């Protein structure tokens, strides 16, 4: 009888553990993006766009590259001001430094000149705007950030980011010719 009770207890324990594990797997799909995480990533991405755009304005061989760089500096500076105001009102911290991978990209761009610079800049702009579109899509989605103003900010910036991506893709095609 003791063996049967022990076996029953072990089986119930195993079933319970398996049930909790399956619940954990389901919850992984419902994890919301943390407000501060989004603000940090978005402001870091924004800083990179401004830094790279500034380089493009001075180092771009093609007028298209210089113009796109100027466009990025203008648009992303305005977005940075808006995000900073929202973050300040909510006590979130804005990233003021470039991420390590972005520092490497800036160093790479800094070392290049002429058409090599133009091609690398255009390629990086496509990649960075793909990442930004993904980030802002996630933040504005059903499992996005909790704060409604921040979610609205992300949603509102998404069309412009998609346009920037399309422009970067066009720029990349132009400088590759």
C-alpha atoms as a PDB file:
ATOM      1  CA  UNK A   1       0.000   0.000   0.000  1.00  0.00           C
ATOM      2  CA  UNK A   2       2.860   2.400   0.813  1.00  0.00           C
ATOM      3  CA  UNK A   3       4.454   1.660  -2.573  1.00  0.00           C
ATOM      4  CA  UNK A   4       1.175   2.422  -4.365  1.00  0.00           C
ATOM      5  CA  UNK A   5       0.769   5.711  -2.448  1.00  0.00           C
ATOM      6  CA  UNK A   6       4.395   6.675  -3.195  1.00  0.00           C
ATOM      7  CA  UNK A   7       3.971   5.819  -6.874  1.00  0.00           C
ATOM      8  CA  UNK A   8       0.750   7.884  -7.019  1.00  0.00           C
ATOM      9  CA  UNK A   9       2.503  10.844  -5.391  1.00  0.00           C
ATOM     10  CA  UNK A  10       5.398  10.645  -7.870  1.00  0.00           C
ATOM     11  CA  UNK A  11       3.012  10.460 -10.838  1.00  0.00           C
ATOM     12  CA  UNK A  12       0.997  13.453  -9.575  1.00  0.00           C
ATOM     13  CA  UNK A  13       4.225  15.413  -9.041  1.00  0.00           C
ATOM     14  CA  UNK A  14       5.392  14.623 -12.592  1.00  0.00           C
ATOM     15  CA  UNK A  15       2.054  15.649 -14.067  1.00  0.00           C
ATOM     16  CA  UNK A  16       2.151  18.896 -12.074  1.00  0.00           C
ATOM     17  CA  UNK A  17       5.681  19.691 -13.246  1.00  0.00           C
ATOM     18  CA  UNK A  18       4.761  18.990 -16.866  1.00  0.00           C
ATOM     19  CA  UNK A  19       1.639  21.147 -16.573  1.00  0.00           C
ATOM     20  CA  UNK A  20       3.658  24.075 -15.210  1.00  0.00           C
ATOM     21  CA  UNK A  21       6.231  23.691 -17.962  1.00  0.00           C
ATOM     22  CA  UNK A  22       3.564  23.809 -20.654  1.00  0.00           C
ATOM     23  CA  UNK A  23       2.065  26.902 -19.034  1.00  0.00           C
ATOM     24  CA  UNK A  24       5.479  28.561 -19.100  1.00  0.00           C
ATOM     25  CA  UNK A  25       5.805  27.853 -22.812  1.00  0.00           C
ATOM     26  CA  UNK A  26       2.406  29.407 -23.530  1.00  0.00           C
ATOM     27  CA  UNK A  27       3.245  32.489 -21.483  1.00  0.00           C
ATOM     28  CA  UNK A  28       6.414  33.114 -23.494  1.00  0.00           C
ATOM     29  CA  UNK A  29       4.227  34.201 -26.417  1.00  0.00           C
ATOM     30  CA  UNK A  30       2.377  36.696 -24.219  1.00  0.00           C
ATOM     31  CA  UNK A  31       5.344  38.533 -22.735  1.00  0.00           C
ATOM     32  CA  UNK A  32       4.901  42.256 -23.136  1.00  0.00           C
ATOM     33  CA  UNK A  33       7.713  44.576 -24.054  1.00  0.00           C
ATOM     34  CA  UNK A  34       8.948  46.598 -21.089  1.00  0.00           C
ATOM     35  CA  UNK A  35       8.466  50.372 -21.513  1.00  0.00           C
ATOM     36  CA  UNK A  36      12.043  51.210 -20.525  1.00  0.00           C
ATOM     37  CA  UNK A  37      13.447  48.504 -22.811  1.00  0.00           C
ATOM     38  CA  UNK A  38      11.665  50.040 -25.765  1.00  0.00           C
ATOM     39  CA  UNK A  39      12.751  53.581 -24.839  1.00  0.00           C
ATOM     40  CA  UNK A  40      16.370  52.451 -24.511  1.00  0.00           C
ATOM     41  CA  UNK A  41      16.361  50.583 -27.817  1.00  0.00           C
ATOM     42  CA  UNK A  42      14.442  53.265 -29.697  1.00  0.00           C
ATOM     43  CA  UNK A  43      16.616  56.118 -28.446  1.00  0.00           C
ATOM     44  CA  UNK A  44      19.780  54.120 -29.153  1.00  0.00           C
ATOM     45  CA  UNK A  45      18.588  53.410 -32.682  1.00  0.00           C
ATOM     46  CA  UNK A  46      17.724  57.070 -33.119  1.00  0.00           C
ATOM     47  CA  UNK A  47      21.198  58.134 -31.949  1.00  0.00           C
ATOM     48  CA  UNK A  48      22.752  55.815 -34.492  1.00  0.00           C
ATOM     49  CA  UNK A  49      20.645  57.191 -37.361  1.00  0.00           C
ATOM     50  CA  UNK A  50      21.732  60.730 -36.471  1.00  0.00           C
ATOM     51  CA  UNK A  51      25.421  59.791 -36.174  1.00  0.00           C
ATOM     52  CA  UNK A  52      25.426  57.838 -39.430  1.00  0.00           C
ATOM     53  CA  UNK A  53      23.429  60.544 -41.206  1.00  0.00           C
ATOM     54  CA  UNK A  54      25.911  63.174 -40.057  1.00  0.00           C
ATOM     55  CA  UNK A  55      28.737  61.106 -41.530  1.00  0.00           C
ATOM     56  CA  UNK A  56      26.824  60.693 -44.786  1.00  0.00           C
ATOM     57  CA  UNK A  57      26.344  64.448 -45.063  1.00  0.00           C
ATOM     58  CA  UNK A  58      30.093  65.038 -44.907  1.00  0.00           C
ATOM     59  CA  UNK A  59      31.547  61.857 -46.445  1.00  0.00           C
ATOM     60  CA  UNK A  60      28.971  60.822 -49.019  1.00  0.00           C
ATOM     61  CA  UNK A  61      30.259  60.912 -52.569  1.00  0.00           C
ATOM     62  CA  UNK A  62      26.797  60.727 -54.073  1.00  0.00           C
ATOM     63  CA  UNK A  63      24.420  63.633 -53.636  1.00  0.00           C
ATOM     64  CA  UNK A  64      21.717  61.028 -52.994  1.00  0.00           C
ATOM     65  CA  UNK A  65      23.674  59.710 -50.001  1.00  0.00           C
ATOM     66  CA  UNK A  66      24.300  63.207 -48.635  1.00  0.00           C
ATOM     67  CA  UNK A  67      20.624  64.118 -49.047  1.00  0.00           C
ATOM     68  CA  UNK A  68      19.440  60.902 -47.405  1.00  0.00           C
ATOM     69  CA  UNK A  69      21.872  61.500 -44.528  1.00  0.00           C
ATOM     70  CA  UNK A  70      20.504  65.013 -44.058  1.00  0.00           C
ATOM     71  CA  UNK A  71      16.955  63.646 -44.156  1.00  0.00           C
ATOM     72  CA  UNK A  72      17.830  61.100 -41.445  1.00  0.00           C
ATOM     73  CA  UNK A  73      19.445  63.732 -39.230  1.00  0.00           C
ATOM     74  CA  UNK A  74      16.411  66.021 -39.516  1.00  0.00           C
ATOM     75  CA  UNK A  75      13.760  63.336 -39.010  1.00  0.00           C
ATOM     76  CA  UNK A  76      15.536  61.462 -36.237  1.00  0.00           C
ATOM     77  CA  UNK A  77      16.474  64.629 -34.371  1.00  0.00           C
ATOM     78  CA  UNK A  78      12.787  65.584 -34.295  1.00  0.00           C
ATOM     79  CA  UNK A  79      11.806  62.095 -33.132  1.00  0.00           C
ATOM     80  CA  UNK A  80      14.500  62.233 -30.456  1.00  0.00           C
ATOM     81  CA  UNK A  81      13.070  65.470 -29.080  1.00  0.00           C
ATOM     82  CA  UNK A  82       9.587  63.951 -28.976  1.00  0.00           C
ATOM     83  CA  UNK A  83      10.756  60.724 -27.343  1.00  0.00           C
ATOM     84  CA  UNK A  84      12.831  62.656 -24.804  1.00  0.00           C
ATOM     85  CA  UNK A  85       9.824  64.730 -23.763  1.00  0.00           C
ATOM     86  CA  UNK A  86       7.659  61.637 -23.347  1.00  0.00           C
ATOM     87  CA  UNK A  87      10.395  59.782 -21.463  1.00  0.00           C
ATOM     88  CA  UNK A  88      10.988  62.713 -19.137  1.00  0.00           C
ATOM     89  CA  UNK A  89       7.301  62.896 -18.270  1.00  0.00           C
ATOM     90  CA  UNK A  90       7.338  59.182 -17.376  1.00  0.00           C
ATOM     91  CA  UNK A  91      10.753  59.020 -15.655  1.00  0.00           C
ATOM     92  CA  UNK A  92      12.231  56.755 -18.315  1.00  0.00           C
ATOM     93  CA  UNK A  93      15.887  57.038 -19.219  1.00  0.00           C
ATOM     94  CA  UNK A  94      16.911  57.988 -22.738  1.00  0.00           C
ATOM     95  CA  UNK A  95      20.006  56.315 -24.150  1.00  0.00           C
ATOM     96  CA  UNK A  96      22.620  58.936 -24.991  1.00  0.00           C
ATOM     97  CA  UNK A  97      25.349  56.562 -26.135  1.00  0.00           C
ATOM     98  CA  UNK A  98      25.668  54.354 -29.155  1.00  0.00           C
ATOM     99  CA  UNK A  99      25.362  50.628 -28.613  1.00  0.00           C
ATOM    100  CA  UNK A 100      28.567  48.614 -29.081  1.00  0.00           C
ATOM    101  CA  UNK A 101      27.476  47.230 -32.468  1.00  0.00           C
ATOM    102  CA  UNK A 102      26.537  50.739 -33.631  1.00  0.00           C
ATOM    103  CA  UNK A 103      29.959  52.068 -32.605  1.00  0.00           C
ATOM    104  CA  UNK A 104      31.510  49.396 -34.828  1.00  0.00           C
ATOM    105  CA  UNK A 105      29.297  50.437 -37.745  1.00  0.00           C
ATOM    106  CA  UNK A 106      30.235  54.096 -37.269  1.00  0.00           C
ATOM    107  CA  UNK A 107      33.927  53.163 -37.115  1.00  0.00           C
ATOM    108  CA  UNK A 108      33.537  51.150 -40.320  1.00  0.00           C
ATOM    109  CA  UNK A 109      31.825  54.049 -42.070  1.00  0.00           C
ATOM    110  CA  UNK A 110      34.408  56.525 -40.794  1.00  0.00           C
ATOM    111  CA  UNK A 111      37.212  54.478 -42.350  1.00  0.00           C
ATOM    112  CA  UNK A 112      35.579  54.391 -45.794  1.00  0.00           C
ATOM    113  CA  UNK A 113      35.565  56.972 -48.571  1.00  0.00           C
ATOM    114  CA  UNK A 114      33.975  57.471 -51.966  1.00  0.00           C
ATOM    115  CA  UNK A 115      31.677  54.855 -53.427  1.00  0.00           C
ATOM    116  CA  UNK A 116      32.739  52.326 -50.782  1.00  0.00           C
ATOM    117  CA  UNK A 117      31.316  54.648 -48.135  1.00  0.00           C
ATOM    118  CA  UNK A 118      28.112  55.211 -50.106  1.00  0.00           C
ATOM    119  CA  UNK A 119      27.498  51.495 -50.598  1.00  0.00           C
ATOM    120  CA  UNK A 120      28.201  50.599 -46.962  1.00  0.00           C
ATOM    121  CA  UNK A 121      26.070  53.478 -45.672  1.00  0.00           C
ATOM    122  CA  UNK A 122      23.117  52.480 -47.849  1.00  0.00           C
ATOM    123  CA  UNK A 123      23.400  48.828 -46.772  1.00  0.00           C
ATOM    124  CA  UNK A 124      23.588  49.795 -43.104  1.00  0.00           C
ATOM    125  CA  UNK A 125      20.570  52.093 -43.480  1.00  0.00           C
ATOM    126  CA  UNK A 126      18.498  49.234 -44.879  1.00  0.00           C
ATOM    127  CA  UNK A 127      19.515  46.972 -41.993  1.00  0.00           C
ATOM    128  CA  UNK A 128      19.016  49.589 -39.290  1.00  0.00           C
ATOM    129  CA  UNK A 129      15.593  50.577 -40.590  1.00  0.00           C
ATOM    130  CA  UNK A 130      14.528  46.930 -40.853  1.00  0.00           C
ATOM    131  CA  UNK A 131      15.487  46.573 -37.191  1.00  0.00           C
ATOM    132  CA  UNK A 132      13.664  49.799 -36.278  1.00  0.00           C
ATOM    133  CA  UNK A 133      10.494  48.728 -38.098  1.00  0.00           C
ATOM    134  CA  UNK A 134      10.596  45.400 -36.223  1.00  0.00           C
ATOM    135  CA  UNK A 135      11.126  47.161 -32.881  1.00  0.00           C
ATOM    136  CA  UNK A 136       8.350  49.701 -33.386  1.00  0.00           C
ATOM    137  CA  UNK A 137       5.976  47.035 -34.748  1.00  0.00           C
ATOM    138  CA  UNK A 138       6.563  44.919 -31.643  1.00  0.00           C
ATOM    139  CA  UNK A 139       6.154  47.884 -29.295  1.00  0.00           C
ATOM    140  CA  UNK A 140       2.895  48.970 -30.896  1.00  0.00           C
ATOM    141  CA  UNK A 141       1.441  45.463 -31.194  1.00  0.00           C
ATOM    142  CA  UNK A 142      -0.940  43.609 -28.873  1.00  0.00           C
ATOM    143  CA  UNK A 143       1.983  42.343 -26.778  1.00  0.00           C
ATOM    144  CA  UNK A 144       3.847  45.622 -27.045  1.00  0.00           C
ATOM    145  CA  UNK A 145       4.565  48.190 -24.388  1.00  0.00           C
ATOM    146  CA  UNK A 146       2.068  48.675 -21.562  1.00  0.00           C
ATOM    147  CA  UNK A 147       2.054  52.475 -21.556  1.00  0.00           C
ATOM    148  CA  UNK A 148      -0.641  53.726 -23.937  1.00  0.00           C
ATOM    149  CA  UNK A 149       1.191  56.965 -24.804  1.00  0.00           C
ATOM    150  CA  UNK A 150       4.361  55.067 -25.601  1.00  0.00           C
ATOM    151  CA  UNK A 151       2.418  52.534 -27.659  1.00  0.00           C
ATOM    152  CA  UNK A 152       0.798  55.401 -29.557  1.00  0.00           C
ATOM    153  CA  UNK A 153       4.213  56.993 -30.104  1.00  0.00           C
ATOM    154  CA  UNK A 154       5.570  53.723 -31.537  1.00  0.00           C
ATOM    155  CA  UNK A 155       2.524  53.238 -33.724  1.00  0.00           C
ATOM    156  CA  UNK A 156       2.645  56.814 -34.955  1.00  0.00           C
ATOM    157  CA  UNK A 157       6.309  56.583 -35.983  1.00  0.00           C
ATOM    158  CA  UNK A 158       5.944  53.285 -37.799  1.00  0.00           C
ATOM    159  CA  UNK A 159       4.742  54.703 -41.167  1.00  0.00           C
ATOM    160  CA  UNK A 160       7.711  57.094 -41.320  1.00  0.00           C
ATOM    161  CA  UNK A 161      10.145  54.319 -40.435  1.00  0.00           C
ATOM    162  CA  UNK A 162       8.684  52.162 -43.195  1.00  0.00           C
ATOM    163  CA  UNK A 163       9.133  55.061 -45.612  1.00  0.00           C
ATOM    164  CA  UNK A 164      12.737  55.486 -44.441  1.00  0.00           C
ATOM    165  CA  UNK A 165      13.278  51.772 -45.093  1.00  0.00           C
ATOM    166  CA  UNK A 166      11.844  52.031 -48.616  1.00  0.00           C
ATOM    167  CA  UNK A 167      14.022  55.096 -49.272  1.00  0.00           C
ATOM    168  CA  UNK A 168      17.082  53.240 -47.967  1.00  0.00           C
ATOM    169  CA  UNK A 169      16.326  50.289 -50.239  1.00  0.00           C
ATOM    170  CA  UNK A 170      16.036  52.654 -53.205  1.00  0.00           C
ATOM    171  CA  UNK A 171      19.277  54.375 -52.180  1.00  0.00           C
ATOM    172  CA  UNK A 172      21.031  51.019 -51.915  1.00  0.00           C
ATOM    173  CA  UNK A 173      19.892  50.073 -55.423  1.00  0.00           C
ATOM    174  CA  UNK A 174      21.050  53.451 -56.786  1.00  0.00           C
ATOM    175  CA  UNK A 175      24.537  53.373 -55.250  1.00  0.00           C
ATOM    176  CA  UNK A 176      25.073  49.750 -56.292  1.00  0.00           C
ATOM    177  CA  UNK A 177      24.768  50.743 -59.961  1.00  0.00           C
END
